[in-house]
């Protein structure tokens, strides 16, 4: 998967960087690397002889004519990545082969050359980036150095910013014993879980507000607002609304109840979920959550990418 290779190449960045901008429409290069071919198709990359570059750099191959990119954007790209080892310089993957463009957040977690380089291209543009080991803040001496990696990014567009709250039609649906009050606008819903009703043995998911966005997929990263309480006690153990900041996570990295309950939920929806212990934390007590607790969440799905 290209993004796995991408993550391996992009450590925290304290290293130097150099940038160069090509203004013409002809093939150009960075550190002697040459890129040919049209934007929108898998590029042809040729490498110079000799030792691979040890300093990271970028070059704008095609500036693009669409909307410019800025820090904080989520840029949708087709990317092709190579290992520049001075031998085979083999291609490691390309979204042109998988037919699945990738989404990359332009933020401080990217190496400096990419933070800077992406802001020099627009929609329809092409960026070449050479990522050497100077992008790794503290290389492990016991491990062999990663080969220098070369990326060609074709900018497809940017992802729409995440919603602020669920938006859509209220269904009036809920879980027996659980109340969700929707104040409207961007205000947090109120979740009440104090009840004499027995907790459901199985996962229960009810849609409170029906969103109209694309359905969240199991392999995507979600942006959500949520509040979590213990069934029967009304004890709150967590709330992103209280923190004033939505949570963002790969859906595959959270508890089973969330993985099963949120896959297929349209962006913009508000759902309430009752999660039995075997799909939550089971016999393990967590901070604020006793062992064998049934968890109740109200969740707004704000984005999926």
Protein backbone atom coordinates (compact mmCIF):
# COMPACT_ATOMS: atom_id res chain seq x y z
CA UNK A 1 0.00 0.00 0.00
CA UNK A 2 1.49 3.36 -0.96
CA UNK A 3 0.50 5.04 2.30
CA UNK A 4 2.32 2.42 4.36
CA UNK A 5 5.45 3.19 2.39
CA UNK A 6 4.67 6.86 2.76
CA UNK A 7 4.46 6.57 6.53
CA UNK A 8 7.73 4.63 6.67
CA UNK A 9 9.46 7.41 4.80
CA UNK A 10 8.02 10.27 6.82
CA UNK A 11 9.41 10.37 10.32
CA UNK A 12 9.36 13.43 12.52
CA UNK A 13 11.36 16.12 10.83
CA UNK A 14 14.22 18.06 12.33
CA UNK A 15 16.48 17.80 9.30
CA UNK A 16 17.50 20.36 6.72
CA UNK A 17 15.62 20.74 3.49
CA UNK A 18 16.11 22.44 0.19
CA UNK A 19 13.45 23.47 -2.24
CA UNK A 20 13.41 24.37 -5.89
CA UNK A 21 10.53 25.44 -8.07
CA UNK A 22 10.35 24.70 -11.77
CA UNK A 23 8.12 27.08 -13.67
CA UNK A 24 8.01 25.46 -17.09
CA UNK A 25 5.92 22.57 -18.36
CA UNK A 26 8.88 20.39 -19.37
CA UNK A 27 10.14 17.45 -17.36
CA UNK A 28 12.35 18.61 -14.51
CA UNK A 29 14.22 16.97 -11.69
CA UNK A 30 15.35 17.19 -8.07
CA UNK A 31 18.80 15.95 -7.02
CA UNK A 32 19.25 14.77 -10.59
CA UNK A 33 16.00 12.78 -10.64
CA UNK A 34 14.04 13.26 -13.85
CA UNK A 35 10.26 12.97 -14.19
CA UNK A 36 8.48 12.65 -17.53
CA UNK A 37 4.90 12.06 -18.59
CA UNK A 38 1.62 13.90 -18.24
CA UNK A 39 -0.10 14.72 -14.98
CA UNK A 40 -2.98 12.29 -14.56
CA UNK A 41 -0.99 9.24 -15.63
CA UNK A 42 1.72 7.19 -13.93
CA UNK A 43 5.00 9.09 -14.34
CA UNK A 44 8.27 7.85 -15.80
CA UNK A 45 11.16 8.49 -13.40
CA UNK A 46 14.86 8.16 -14.19
CA UNK A 47 17.64 8.32 -11.63
CA UNK A 48 21.21 9.63 -11.90
CA UNK A 49 24.13 7.23 -11.52
CA UNK A 50 26.16 7.25 -8.33
CA UNK A 51 25.20 7.58 -4.69
CA UNK A 52 21.54 8.42 -3.87
CA UNK A 53 20.85 11.85 -2.43
CA UNK A 54 21.36 12.24 1.31
CA UNK A 55 19.46 15.54 1.61
CA UNK A 56 15.72 15.84 1.20
CA UNK A 57 14.40 18.19 -1.46
CA UNK A 58 11.35 18.93 -3.56
CA UNK A 59 10.65 20.35 -6.97
CA UNK A 60 7.45 21.49 -8.64
CA UNK A 61 7.22 19.63 -11.94
CA UNK A 62 3.88 21.16 -12.94
CA UNK A 63 2.48 24.04 -10.85
CA UNK A 64 -1.14 23.33 -11.77
CA UNK A 65 -3.81 25.84 -12.67
CA UNK A 66 -6.50 25.12 -10.08
CA UNK A 67 -6.97 26.08 -6.45
CA UNK A 68 -3.80 26.48 -4.40
CA UNK A 69 -2.96 24.32 -1.39
CA UNK A 70 -2.28 25.59 2.12
CA UNK A 71 -1.32 24.24 5.50
CA UNK A 72 -4.27 22.47 7.12
CA UNK A 73 -5.69 21.19 3.83
CA UNK A 74 -6.24 17.50 3.20
CA UNK A 75 -4.83 17.04 -0.25
CA UNK A 76 -6.06 14.18 -2.44
CA UNK A 77 -3.20 12.87 -4.58
CA UNK A 78 -2.20 10.14 -6.91
CA UNK A 79 1.25 9.13 -5.75
CA UNK A 80 4.04 6.92 -7.02
CA UNK A 81 6.96 5.99 -4.75
CA UNK A 82 10.41 4.59 -5.48
CA UNK A 83 13.28 3.25 -3.37
CA UNK A 84 16.35 5.17 -4.54
CA UNK A 85 19.04 2.69 -3.54
CA UNK A 86 21.43 3.29 -6.44
CA UNK A 87 20.80 -0.22 -7.74
CA UNK A 88 17.37 -1.16 -9.02
CA UNK A 89 15.66 2.05 -7.83
CA UNK A 90 12.49 -0.01 -7.83
CA UNK A 91 8.98 1.39 -7.81
CA UNK A 92 7.33 0.54 -4.48
CA UNK A 93 3.76 1.35 -5.37
CA UNK A 94 1.50 3.69 -7.27
CA UNK A 95 -2.09 4.73 -6.75
CA UNK A 96 -2.35 4.74 -10.54
CA UNK A 97 -2.03 0.95 -10.29
CA UNK A 98 -4.44 0.55 -7.38
CA UNK A 99 -6.81 3.18 -8.81
CA UNK A 100 -7.22 4.54 -5.28
CA UNK A 101 -5.98 8.12 -4.70
CA UNK A 102 -4.65 8.85 -1.22
CA UNK A 103 -5.48 11.71 1.17
CA UNK A 104 -2.63 13.44 3.01
CA UNK A 105 -3.01 16.10 5.69
CA UNK A 106 -0.67 19.06 5.16
CA UNK A 107 0.45 19.59 8.74
CA UNK A 108 3.47 19.54 11.04
CA UNK A 109 3.56 15.74 11.01
CA UNK A 110 4.85 15.84 7.43
CA UNK A 111 8.56 16.33 6.69
CA UNK A 112 9.36 19.98 6.10
CA UNK A 113 10.01 19.49 2.39
CA UNK A 114 6.43 18.26 1.93
CA UNK A 115 4.91 20.91 4.17
CA UNK A 116 6.60 23.51 1.97
CA UNK A 117 6.36 21.72 -1.37
CA UNK A 118 2.61 21.12 -1.27
CA UNK A 119 1.97 24.84 -0.76
CA UNK A 120 3.79 25.54 -4.04
CA UNK A 121 1.38 23.52 -6.21
CA UNK A 122 -2.26 23.82 -7.15
CA UNK A 123 -4.97 21.39 -8.20
CA UNK A 124 -3.75 19.65 -11.35
CA UNK A 125 -0.11 20.11 -10.37
CA UNK A 126 2.73 17.60 -9.93
CA UNK A 127 5.26 17.62 -7.09
CA UNK A 128 8.49 15.61 -6.91
CA UNK A 129 9.91 14.96 -3.45
CA UNK A 130 13.15 13.26 -2.43
CA UNK A 131 12.98 12.07 1.19
CA UNK A 132 16.33 11.06 2.59
CA UNK A 133 17.29 10.02 6.11
CA UNK A 134 17.66 13.64 7.19
CA UNK A 135 13.85 13.57 7.66
CA UNK A 136 14.29 11.23 10.64
CA UNK A 137 14.96 13.15 13.84
CA UNK A 138 16.79 10.36 15.69
CA UNK A 139 17.79 7.42 13.50
CA UNK A 140 18.29 4.16 15.39
CA UNK A 141 21.98 3.20 15.08
CA UNK A 142 21.16 -0.49 15.48
CA UNK A 143 18.91 -0.45 12.41
CA UNK A 144 20.07 -0.15 8.81
CA UNK A 145 19.24 3.18 7.22
CA UNK A 146 16.12 3.31 5.09
CA UNK A 147 16.77 3.88 1.39
CA UNK A 148 16.16 7.38 0.12
CA UNK A 149 12.61 7.50 -1.21
CA UNK A 150 11.34 9.43 -4.19
CA UNK A 151 7.70 10.44 -4.48
CA UNK A 152 5.77 11.90 -7.38
CA UNK A 153 2.49 13.47 -6.25
CA UNK A 154 -0.23 14.47 -8.71
CA UNK A 155 -2.72 16.77 -6.99
CA UNK A 156 -6.29 15.65 -7.63
CA UNK A 157 -8.01 18.05 -5.25
CA UNK A 158 -8.67 18.69 -1.58
CA UNK A 159 -11.09 17.04 0.77
CA UNK A 160 -13.94 19.11 2.10
CA UNK A 161 -13.36 20.17 5.72
CA UNK A 162 -15.00 18.10 8.43
CA UNK A 163 -18.50 19.04 9.57
CA UNK A 164 -18.91 20.80 12.91
CA UNK A 165 -21.83 18.59 13.99
CA UNK A 166 -24.33 16.12 12.58
CA UNK A 167 -26.63 17.58 9.98
CA UNK A 168 -29.73 15.99 8.54
CA UNK A 169 -33.16 14.80 9.51
CA UNK A 170 -33.95 13.64 13.04
CA UNK A 171 -35.37 10.13 13.05
CA UNK A 172 -36.82 10.06 16.57
CA UNK A 173 -35.13 6.68 17.04
CA UNK A 174 -33.15 5.65 20.13
CA UNK A 175 -32.30 2.66 22.32
CA UNK A 176 -34.80 1.61 24.99
CA UNK A 177 -33.61 3.11 28.29
CA UNK A 178 -31.33 5.65 26.62
CA UNK A 179 -32.27 9.25 25.85
CA UNK A 180 -30.57 11.57 23.38
CA UNK A 181 -31.61 15.23 23.23
CA UNK A 182 -30.62 17.20 20.15
CA UNK A 183 -30.31 20.94 20.83
CA UNK A 184 -29.62 21.69 17.17
CA UNK A 185 -26.89 23.63 15.42
CA UNK A 186 -23.36 22.86 16.55
CA UNK A 187 -24.30 22.26 20.19
CA UNK A 188 -23.49 18.92 21.80
CA UNK A 189 -26.34 16.45 22.27
CA UNK A 190 -27.31 15.36 25.78
CA UNK A 191 -26.98 11.65 26.50
CA UNK A 192 -28.82 10.02 29.42
CA UNK A 193 -28.12 6.39 30.34
CA UNK A 194 -29.61 6.11 33.84
CA UNK A 195 -32.18 3.35 33.46
CA UNK A 196 -33.52 0.20 35.09
CA UNK A 197 -33.65 -1.48 31.69
CA UNK A 198 -31.30 -4.42 31.26
CA UNK A 199 -28.34 -3.68 29.02
CA UNK A 200 -28.60 -5.33 25.58
CA UNK A 201 -26.39 -8.39 25.20
CA UNK A 202 -25.56 -7.51 21.62
CA UNK A 203 -24.35 -4.39 19.86
CA UNK A 204 -27.22 -1.97 19.18
CA UNK A 205 -26.81 1.02 16.87
CA UNK A 206 -29.62 3.50 16.23
CA UNK A 207 -29.52 6.51 13.94
CA UNK A 208 -30.62 9.69 15.70
CA UNK A 209 -29.90 12.09 12.83
CA UNK A 210 -29.66 10.70 9.30
CA UNK A 211 -26.73 12.22 7.45
CA UNK A 212 -26.46 12.36 3.67
CA UNK A 213 -22.70 11.99 3.15
CA UNK A 214 -20.73 8.99 1.91
CA UNK A 215 -20.83 5.91 4.12
CA UNK A 216 -17.85 5.41 6.42
CA UNK A 217 -15.70 2.46 5.39
CA UNK A 218 -13.88 0.07 7.73
CA UNK A 219 -10.47 1.02 6.29
CA UNK A 220 -10.98 4.78 6.59
CA UNK A 221 -9.94 7.39 9.15
CA UNK A 222 -12.89 9.10 10.82
CA UNK A 223 -13.37 12.50 12.42
CA UNK A 224 -16.05 12.34 15.10
CA UNK A 225 -17.53 14.09 18.11
CA UNK A 226 -18.76 11.78 20.85
CA UNK A 227 -19.82 11.35 24.47
CA UNK A 228 -19.45 8.04 26.31
CA UNK A 229 -21.34 6.89 29.40
CA UNK A 230 -21.85 3.68 31.41
CA UNK A 231 -25.17 1.89 30.92
CA UNK A 232 -27.51 2.28 33.90
CA UNK A 233 -25.45 4.82 35.87
CA UNK A 234 -25.37 7.90 33.64
CA UNK A 235 -21.67 8.14 34.52
CA UNK A 236 -19.75 9.97 31.78
CA UNK A 237 -16.18 8.75 31.18
CA UNK A 238 -15.24 10.67 28.05
CA UNK A 239 -16.46 13.43 25.73
CA UNK A 240 -14.75 15.10 22.79
CA UNK A 241 -17.39 17.82 22.97
CA UNK A 242 -16.22 18.71 26.47
CA UNK A 243 -12.65 18.98 25.15
CA UNK A 244 -13.82 21.22 22.33
CA UNK A 245 -11.92 19.17 19.76
CA UNK A 246 -13.19 16.35 17.53
CA UNK A 247 -11.39 13.01 17.67
CA UNK A 248 -9.67 11.54 14.63
CA UNK A 249 -8.62 7.90 14.30
CA UNK A 250 -8.38 4.99 11.87
CA UNK A 251 -11.59 3.02 12.37
CA UNK A 252 -9.55 -0.19 12.46
CA UNK A 253 -7.69 1.01 15.59
CA UNK A 254 -10.60 1.39 18.01
CA UNK A 255 -12.72 -1.03 20.04
CA UNK A 256 -14.74 -3.64 18.16
CA UNK A 257 -18.03 -1.97 19.05
CA UNK A 258 -16.97 1.20 17.23
CA UNK A 259 -15.55 -0.73 14.29
CA UNK A 260 -18.76 -2.69 13.81
CA UNK A 261 -21.11 0.12 14.78
CA UNK A 262 -19.70 2.95 12.66
CA UNK A 263 -18.84 1.11 9.44
CA UNK A 264 -21.50 2.01 6.91
CA UNK A 265 -22.76 5.09 8.78
CA UNK A 266 -23.16 8.08 6.41
CA UNK A 267 -21.07 11.17 7.17
CA UNK A 268 -23.25 13.78 8.84
CA UNK A 269 -25.12 11.21 10.92
CA UNK A 270 -25.58 11.08 14.69
CA UNK A 271 -25.86 7.58 16.12
CA UNK A 272 -26.30 6.15 19.59
CA UNK A 273 -24.58 2.84 20.31
CA UNK A 274 -24.86 0.33 23.15
CA UNK A 275 -21.69 -1.75 23.23
CA UNK A 276 -21.57 -4.98 25.27
CA UNK A 277 -18.40 -5.76 27.27
CA UNK A 278 -17.09 -8.31 24.76
CA UNK A 279 -17.01 -5.60 22.07
CA UNK A 280 -15.68 -2.97 24.49
CA UNK A 281 -13.10 -3.45 27.22
CA UNK A 282 -14.31 -6.80 28.54
CA UNK A 283 -12.91 -7.82 31.91
CA UNK A 284 -10.29 -5.06 31.87
CA UNK A 285 -11.17 -1.96 33.87
CA UNK A 286 -10.18 1.31 32.21
CA UNK A 287 -9.84 4.78 33.65
CA UNK A 288 -13.39 5.66 34.65
CA UNK A 289 -14.80 2.41 33.22
CA UNK A 290 -15.39 -0.59 35.53
CA UNK A 291 -14.74 -4.09 34.19
CA UNK A 292 -17.60 -5.73 32.28
CA UNK A 293 -19.30 -2.40 31.59
CA UNK A 294 -21.81 -1.88 28.82
CA UNK A 295 -20.79 1.34 27.10
CA UNK A 296 -23.16 3.85 25.52
CA UNK A 297 -21.95 6.43 23.03
CA UNK A 298 -23.60 9.17 21.08
CA UNK A 299 -21.41 9.83 18.04
CA UNK A 300 -21.47 12.44 15.28
CA UNK A 301 -19.62 11.22 12.16
CA UNK A 302 -18.08 14.44 10.81
CA UNK A 303 -15.71 13.16 8.09
CA UNK A 304 -14.32 9.94 6.64
CA UNK A 305 -11.32 9.66 4.37
